[in-house]
């Protein structure tokens, strides 16, 4: 079975590349899963029975996360982090011995994230993996930027208001003494 999926990510971000088996009686001791990028680069080989990653191209080391808790449900999705333009392209997930294959197209954007969609309208990942896909960290970053900006603007408004009041009070107190024609006459005291 082949399900074409398009996933979009952003530079420096992370995405989940979905891969699920439709086999109902999956025996993990017999299953091997191979992930390849553009037909040749070995992203990772999953060995579900031992919850381990076997061979892997060096450019994917420490950038690939698996979800062993999903293996029993036939979910062999991976999370790829630290995305760069070279990561764009076609990813193939091959599940043996059932010979199931899924193709995922990864598109890398510079500034924004679009959640993965499938061309046929089917979602292939579990709920917890969908939560991994959501760009919560990006939303939190934007929220912090908004809050800090708002605090700075409010602080500046407060400073301007206080400065105007200070100037206004100085001008009012200065007006009473300026222009007043009354002069204090100091007479010399008795001289001895």
C-alpha atoms as a PDB file:
ATOM      1  CA  UNK A   1       0.000   0.000   0.000  1.00  0.00           C
ATOM      2  CA  UNK A   2       1.267   3.477  -0.809  1.00  0.00           C
ATOM      3  CA  UNK A   3      -0.174   6.647   0.658  1.00  0.00           C
ATOM      4  CA  UNK A   4       1.194   9.915  -0.633  1.00  0.00           C
ATOM      5  CA  UNK A   5       1.538  12.486   2.124  1.00  0.00           C
ATOM      6  CA  UNK A   6       2.873  16.025   1.968  1.00  0.00           C
ATOM      7  CA  UNK A   7       4.443  17.496   5.093  1.00  0.00           C
ATOM      8  CA  UNK A   8       5.658  21.076   5.404  1.00  0.00           C
ATOM      9  CA  UNK A   9       8.282  22.257   7.880  1.00  0.00           C
ATOM     10  CA  UNK A  10      10.458  25.291   8.466  1.00  0.00           C
ATOM     11  CA  UNK A  11      14.192  25.872   8.741  1.00  0.00           C
ATOM     12  CA  UNK A  12      15.409  24.835  12.194  1.00  0.00           C
ATOM     13  CA  UNK A  13      12.062  23.258  13.092  1.00  0.00           C
ATOM     14  CA  UNK A  14      10.904  19.674  13.251  1.00  0.00           C
ATOM     15  CA  UNK A  15       8.270  17.530  11.554  1.00  0.00           C
ATOM     16  CA  UNK A  16       6.757  14.097  11.988  1.00  0.00           C
ATOM     17  CA  UNK A  17       7.015  11.905   8.904  1.00  0.00           C
ATOM     18  CA  UNK A  18       4.033   9.531   9.149  1.00  0.00           C
ATOM     19  CA  UNK A  19       4.214   5.804   8.413  1.00  0.00           C
ATOM     20  CA  UNK A  20       1.667   3.217   9.521  1.00  0.00           C
ATOM     21  CA  UNK A  21       0.980  -0.403   8.706  1.00  0.00           C
ATOM     22  CA  UNK A  22      -2.515  -1.542   7.789  1.00  0.00           C
ATOM     23  CA  UNK A  23      -1.599  -5.111   8.755  1.00  0.00           C
ATOM     24  CA  UNK A  24      -3.871  -6.209  11.629  1.00  0.00           C
ATOM     25  CA  UNK A  25      -1.846  -9.145  12.945  1.00  0.00           C
ATOM     26  CA  UNK A  26       1.520  -7.428  12.987  1.00  0.00           C
ATOM     27  CA  UNK A  27       4.242  -9.494  14.676  1.00  0.00           C
ATOM     28  CA  UNK A  28       6.920  -7.070  15.845  1.00  0.00           C
ATOM     29  CA  UNK A  29       9.548  -9.824  16.045  1.00  0.00           C
ATOM     30  CA  UNK A  30       9.290 -10.188  12.257  1.00  0.00           C
ATOM     31  CA  UNK A  31       8.999  -6.508  11.297  1.00  0.00           C
ATOM     32  CA  UNK A  32      11.755  -4.252   9.970  1.00  0.00           C
ATOM     33  CA  UNK A  33      11.161  -0.669   8.849  1.00  0.00           C
ATOM     34  CA  UNK A  34      13.452   1.296   6.525  1.00  0.00           C
ATOM     35  CA  UNK A  35      13.273   5.047   6.025  1.00  0.00           C
ATOM     36  CA  UNK A  36      15.046   6.456   2.940  1.00  0.00           C
ATOM     37  CA  UNK A  37      15.454  10.027   1.685  1.00  0.00           C
ATOM     38  CA  UNK A  38      15.409  10.639  -2.077  1.00  0.00           C
ATOM     39  CA  UNK A  39      15.814   6.925  -2.714  1.00  0.00           C
ATOM     40  CA  UNK A  40      19.304   6.451  -1.306  1.00  0.00           C
ATOM     41  CA  UNK A  41      20.080   8.287   1.936  1.00  0.00           C
ATOM     42  CA  UNK A  42      19.492   6.045   4.943  1.00  0.00           C
ATOM     43  CA  UNK A  43      17.454   8.125   7.393  1.00  0.00           C
ATOM     44  CA  UNK A  44      17.090   5.142   9.743  1.00  0.00           C
ATOM     45  CA  UNK A  45      16.306   1.441   9.944  1.00  0.00           C
ATOM     46  CA  UNK A  46      13.919   0.648  12.787  1.00  0.00           C
ATOM     47  CA  UNK A  47      14.026  -2.699  14.533  1.00  0.00           C
ATOM     48  CA  UNK A  48      10.713  -2.655  16.462  1.00  0.00           C
ATOM     49  CA  UNK A  49      11.384  -5.869  18.401  1.00  0.00           C
ATOM     50  CA  UNK A  50      14.377  -4.228  20.110  1.00  0.00           C
ATOM     51  CA  UNK A  51      13.108  -0.602  20.078  1.00  0.00           C
ATOM     52  CA  UNK A  52      16.334   0.440  18.390  1.00  0.00           C
ATOM     53  CA  UNK A  53      17.606   2.275  15.353  1.00  0.00           C
ATOM     54  CA  UNK A  54      20.140   0.304  13.368  1.00  0.00           C
ATOM     55  CA  UNK A  55      22.106   1.803  10.481  1.00  0.00           C
ATOM     56  CA  UNK A  56      21.759   5.510   9.840  1.00  0.00           C
ATOM     57  CA  UNK A  57      23.418   8.120   7.611  1.00  0.00           C
ATOM     58  CA  UNK A  58      25.496  10.517   9.749  1.00  0.00           C
ATOM     59  CA  UNK A  59      23.522  13.591   8.647  1.00  0.00           C
ATOM     60  CA  UNK A  60      20.447  12.189  10.446  1.00  0.00           C
ATOM     61  CA  UNK A  61      22.180  11.193  13.703  1.00  0.00           C
ATOM     62  CA  UNK A  62      20.752  12.974  16.757  1.00  0.00           C
ATOM     63  CA  UNK A  63      18.045  14.496  14.535  1.00  0.00           C
ATOM     64  CA  UNK A  64      15.721  11.490  14.346  1.00  0.00           C
ATOM     65  CA  UNK A  65      13.233  10.514  17.039  1.00  0.00           C
ATOM     66  CA  UNK A  66      11.146   7.350  16.958  1.00  0.00           C
ATOM     67  CA  UNK A  67       7.919   6.471  18.774  1.00  0.00           C
ATOM     68  CA  UNK A  68       8.369   2.923  20.161  1.00  0.00           C
ATOM     69  CA  UNK A  69       5.048   3.117  22.025  1.00  0.00           C
ATOM     70  CA  UNK A  70       3.287   3.220  18.639  1.00  0.00           C
ATOM     71  CA  UNK A  71       4.966   0.120  17.180  1.00  0.00           C
ATOM     72  CA  UNK A  72       2.360  -2.293  18.609  1.00  0.00           C
ATOM     73  CA  UNK A  73      -0.331  -0.337  16.733  1.00  0.00           C
ATOM     74  CA  UNK A  74       1.709  -0.451  13.522  1.00  0.00           C
ATOM     75  CA  UNK A  75       2.836   3.167  13.755  1.00  0.00           C
ATOM     76  CA  UNK A  76       6.441   3.642  12.570  1.00  0.00           C
ATOM     77  CA  UNK A  77       6.431   7.430  12.151  1.00  0.00           C
ATOM     78  CA  UNK A  78       9.608   9.359  12.883  1.00  0.00           C
ATOM     79  CA  UNK A  79      10.282  12.936  13.941  1.00  0.00           C
ATOM     80  CA  UNK A  80      13.039  14.789  12.091  1.00  0.00           C
ATOM     81  CA  UNK A  81      14.409  17.902  13.820  1.00  0.00           C
ATOM     82  CA  UNK A  82      16.897  20.630  12.943  1.00  0.00           C
ATOM     83  CA  UNK A  83      15.428  20.928   9.462  1.00  0.00           C
ATOM     84  CA  UNK A  84      17.412  22.529   6.634  1.00  0.00           C
ATOM     85  CA  UNK A  85      16.860  22.943   2.895  1.00  0.00           C
ATOM     86  CA  UNK A  86      18.780  19.719   2.146  1.00  0.00           C
ATOM     87  CA  UNK A  87      16.076  17.771   4.038  1.00  0.00           C
ATOM     88  CA  UNK A  88      13.436  18.629   1.439  1.00  0.00           C
ATOM     89  CA  UNK A  89      12.411  15.819  -0.874  1.00  0.00           C
ATOM     90  CA  UNK A  90      10.848  12.379  -0.904  1.00  0.00           C
ATOM     91  CA  UNK A  91      10.954  10.041   2.097  1.00  0.00           C
ATOM     92  CA  UNK A  92      10.004   6.397   1.697  1.00  0.00           C
ATOM     93  CA  UNK A  93       8.990   4.186   4.594  1.00  0.00           C
ATOM     94  CA  UNK A  94       9.199   0.475   3.729  1.00  0.00           C
ATOM     95  CA  UNK A  95       7.691  -2.024   6.170  1.00  0.00           C
ATOM     96  CA  UNK A  96       8.805  -5.641   5.729  1.00  0.00           C
ATOM     97  CA  UNK A  97       7.809  -8.443   5.449  1.00  0.00           C
ATOM     98  CA  UNK A  98       4.394  -7.015   4.473  1.00  0.00           C
ATOM     99  CA  UNK A  99       6.028  -4.879   1.737  1.00  0.00           C
ATOM    100  CA  UNK A 100       3.948  -1.864   2.687  1.00  0.00           C
ATOM    101  CA  UNK A 101       5.385   1.412   1.489  1.00  0.00           C
ATOM    102  CA  UNK A 102       4.478   5.007   2.231  1.00  0.00           C
ATOM    103  CA  UNK A 103       5.859   8.034   0.446  1.00  0.00           C
ATOM    104  CA  UNK A 104       6.128  11.362   2.259  1.00  0.00           C
ATOM    105  CA  UNK A 105       7.038  14.566   0.453  1.00  0.00           C
ATOM    106  CA  UNK A 106       8.791  17.077   2.742  1.00  0.00           C
ATOM    107  CA  UNK A 107       8.654  20.738   1.798  1.00  0.00           C
ATOM    108  CA  UNK A 108      10.888  23.164   3.704  1.00  0.00           C
ATOM    109  CA  UNK A 109       9.714  26.757   4.195  1.00  0.00           C
ATOM    110  CA  UNK A 110      11.789  29.593   5.599  1.00  0.00           C
ATOM    111  CA  UNK A 111       9.361  31.214   8.045  1.00  0.00           C
ATOM    112  CA  UNK A 112       6.147  29.319   8.730  1.00  0.00           C
ATOM    113  CA  UNK A 113       4.756  25.878   9.464  1.00  0.00           C
ATOM    114  CA  UNK A 114       1.796  24.175   7.852  1.00  0.00           C
ATOM    115  CA  UNK A 115       0.562  20.989   9.479  1.00  0.00           C
ATOM    116  CA  UNK A 116       0.848  17.838   7.371  1.00  0.00           C
ATOM    117  CA  UNK A 117      -1.976  16.897   5.089  1.00  0.00           C
ATOM    118  CA  UNK A 118      -2.639  13.872   2.983  1.00  0.00           C
ATOM    119  CA  UNK A 119      -3.617  14.011  -0.637  1.00  0.00           C
ATOM    120  CA  UNK A 120      -6.223  11.289  -0.124  1.00  0.00           C
ATOM    121  CA  UNK A 121      -7.573  12.869   3.054  1.00  0.00           C
ATOM    122  CA  UNK A 122      -6.506  10.079   5.429  1.00  0.00           C
ATOM    123  CA  UNK A 123      -4.475  10.724   8.563  1.00  0.00           C
ATOM    124  CA  UNK A 124      -1.975   7.971   9.216  1.00  0.00           C
ATOM    125  CA  UNK A 125      -0.554   8.952  12.577  1.00  0.00           C
ATOM    126  CA  UNK A 126      -1.775   8.439  16.138  1.00  0.00           C
ATOM    127  CA  UNK A 127      -3.113  11.233  18.348  1.00  0.00           C
ATOM    128  CA  UNK A 128       0.083  11.619  20.362  1.00  0.00           C
ATOM    129  CA  UNK A 129       2.135  11.989  17.200  1.00  0.00           C
ATOM    130  CA  UNK A 130      -0.277  14.597  15.857  1.00  0.00           C
ATOM    131  CA  UNK A 131       0.446  16.548  19.032  1.00  0.00           C
ATOM    132  CA  UNK A 132       4.170  16.327  18.185  1.00  0.00           C
ATOM    133  CA  UNK A 133       3.449  17.907  14.791  1.00  0.00           C
ATOM    134  CA  UNK A 134       1.738  21.011  16.134  1.00  0.00           C
ATOM    135  CA  UNK A 135       4.104  23.954  16.200  1.00  0.00           C
ATOM    136  CA  UNK A 136       3.384  24.721  19.881  1.00  0.00           C
ATOM    137  CA  UNK A 137       6.891  25.998  20.446  1.00  0.00           C
ATOM    138  CA  UNK A 138       6.469  28.429  17.549  1.00  0.00           C
ATOM    139  CA  UNK A 139       3.131  29.610  18.965  1.00  0.00           C
ATOM    140  CA  UNK A 140       4.698  30.035  22.415  1.00  0.00           C
ATOM    141  CA  UNK A 141       7.594  32.008  20.919  1.00  0.00           C
ATOM    142  CA  UNK A 142       5.217  34.368  19.148  1.00  0.00           C
ATOM    143  CA  UNK A 143       3.186  34.718  22.344  1.00  0.00           C
ATOM    144  CA  UNK A 144       6.318  35.682  24.303  1.00  0.00           C
ATOM    145  CA  UNK A 145       7.320  38.177  21.621  1.00  0.00           C
ATOM    146  CA  UNK A 146       3.833  39.708  21.727  1.00  0.00           C
ATOM    147  CA  UNK A 147       3.786  39.914  25.551  1.00  0.00           C
ATOM    148  CA  UNK A 148       7.272  41.456  25.756  1.00  0.00           C
ATOM    149  CA  UNK A 149       6.437  43.976  23.015  1.00  0.00           C
ATOM    150  CA  UNK A 150       3.201  44.904  24.775  1.00  0.00           C
ATOM    151  CA  UNK A 151       5.028  45.388  28.093  1.00  0.00           C
ATOM    152  CA  UNK A 152       7.635  47.610  26.441  1.00  0.00           C
ATOM    153  CA  UNK A 153       4.951  49.748  24.770  1.00  0.00           C
ATOM    154  CA  UNK A 154       2.996  50.092  28.028  1.00  0.00           C
ATOM    155  CA  UNK A 155       6.193  51.011  29.893  1.00  0.00           C
ATOM    156  CA  UNK A 156       7.000  53.698  27.322  1.00  0.00           C
ATOM    157  CA  UNK A 157       3.465  55.111  27.569  1.00  0.00           C
ATOM    158  CA  UNK A 158       3.768  55.197  31.370  1.00  0.00           C
ATOM    159  CA  UNK A 159       7.137  56.985  31.175  1.00  0.00           C
ATOM    160  CA  UNK A 160       5.785  59.566  28.706  1.00  0.00           C
ATOM    161  CA  UNK A 161       2.744  60.265  30.914  1.00  0.00           C
ATOM    162  CA  UNK A 162       4.900  60.640  34.032  1.00  0.00           C
ATOM    163  CA  UNK A 163       7.378  62.899  32.177  1.00  0.00           C
ATOM    164  CA  UNK A 164       4.557  65.149  30.912  1.00  0.00           C
ATOM    165  CA  UNK A 165       3.098  65.460  34.402  1.00  0.00           C
ATOM    166  CA  UNK A 166       6.516  66.352  35.810  1.00  0.00           C
ATOM    167  CA  UNK A 167       7.073  69.002  33.117  1.00  0.00           C
ATOM    168  CA  UNK A 168       3.564  70.339  33.629  1.00  0.00           C
ATOM    169  CA  UNK A 169       4.031  70.630  37.403  1.00  0.00           C
ATOM    170  CA  UNK A 170       7.423  72.317  36.926  1.00  0.00           C
ATOM    171  CA  UNK A 171       5.932  74.831  34.513  1.00  0.00           C
ATOM    172  CA  UNK A 172       3.059  75.628  36.864  1.00  0.00           C
ATOM    173  CA  UNK A 173       5.334  76.164  39.859  1.00  0.00           C
ATOM    174  CA  UNK A 174       7.727  78.210  37.731  1.00  0.00           C
ATOM    175  CA  UNK A 175       4.965  80.525  36.453  1.00  0.00           C
ATOM    176  CA  UNK A 176       4.234  81.841  39.937  1.00  0.00           C
ATOM    177  CA  UNK A 177       7.763  83.182  40.416  1.00  0.00           C
ATOM    178  CA  UNK A 178       8.480  84.261  36.872  1.00  0.00           C
ATOM    179  CA  UNK A 179       7.125  87.615  35.860  1.00  0.00           C
ATOM    180  CA  UNK A 180       6.240  88.597  39.409  1.00  0.00           C
ATOM    181  CA  UNK A 181       7.011  92.254  40.033  1.00  0.00           C
ATOM    182  CA  UNK A 182       7.227  91.927  43.746  1.00  0.00           C
ATOM    183  CA  UNK A 183      10.740  92.187  44.973  1.00  0.00           C
ATOM    184  CA  UNK A 184      11.870  91.628  48.461  1.00  0.00           C
ATOM    185  CA  UNK A 185      13.655  94.613  49.801  1.00  0.00           C
ATOM    186  CA  UNK A 186      16.458  93.819  52.110  1.00  0.00           C
ATOM    187  CA  UNK A 187      17.389  96.693  54.314  1.00  0.00           C
ATOM    188  CA  UNK A 188      20.700  96.699  55.904  1.00  0.00           C
ATOM    189  CA  UNK A 189      20.601  96.216  59.591  1.00  0.00           C
ATOM    190  CA  UNK A 190      22.076  98.613  62.086  1.00  0.00           C
ATOM    191  CA  UNK A 191      25.707  99.269  61.574  1.00  0.00           C
ATOM    192  CA  UNK A 192      28.087  99.311  64.438  1.00  0.00           C
END
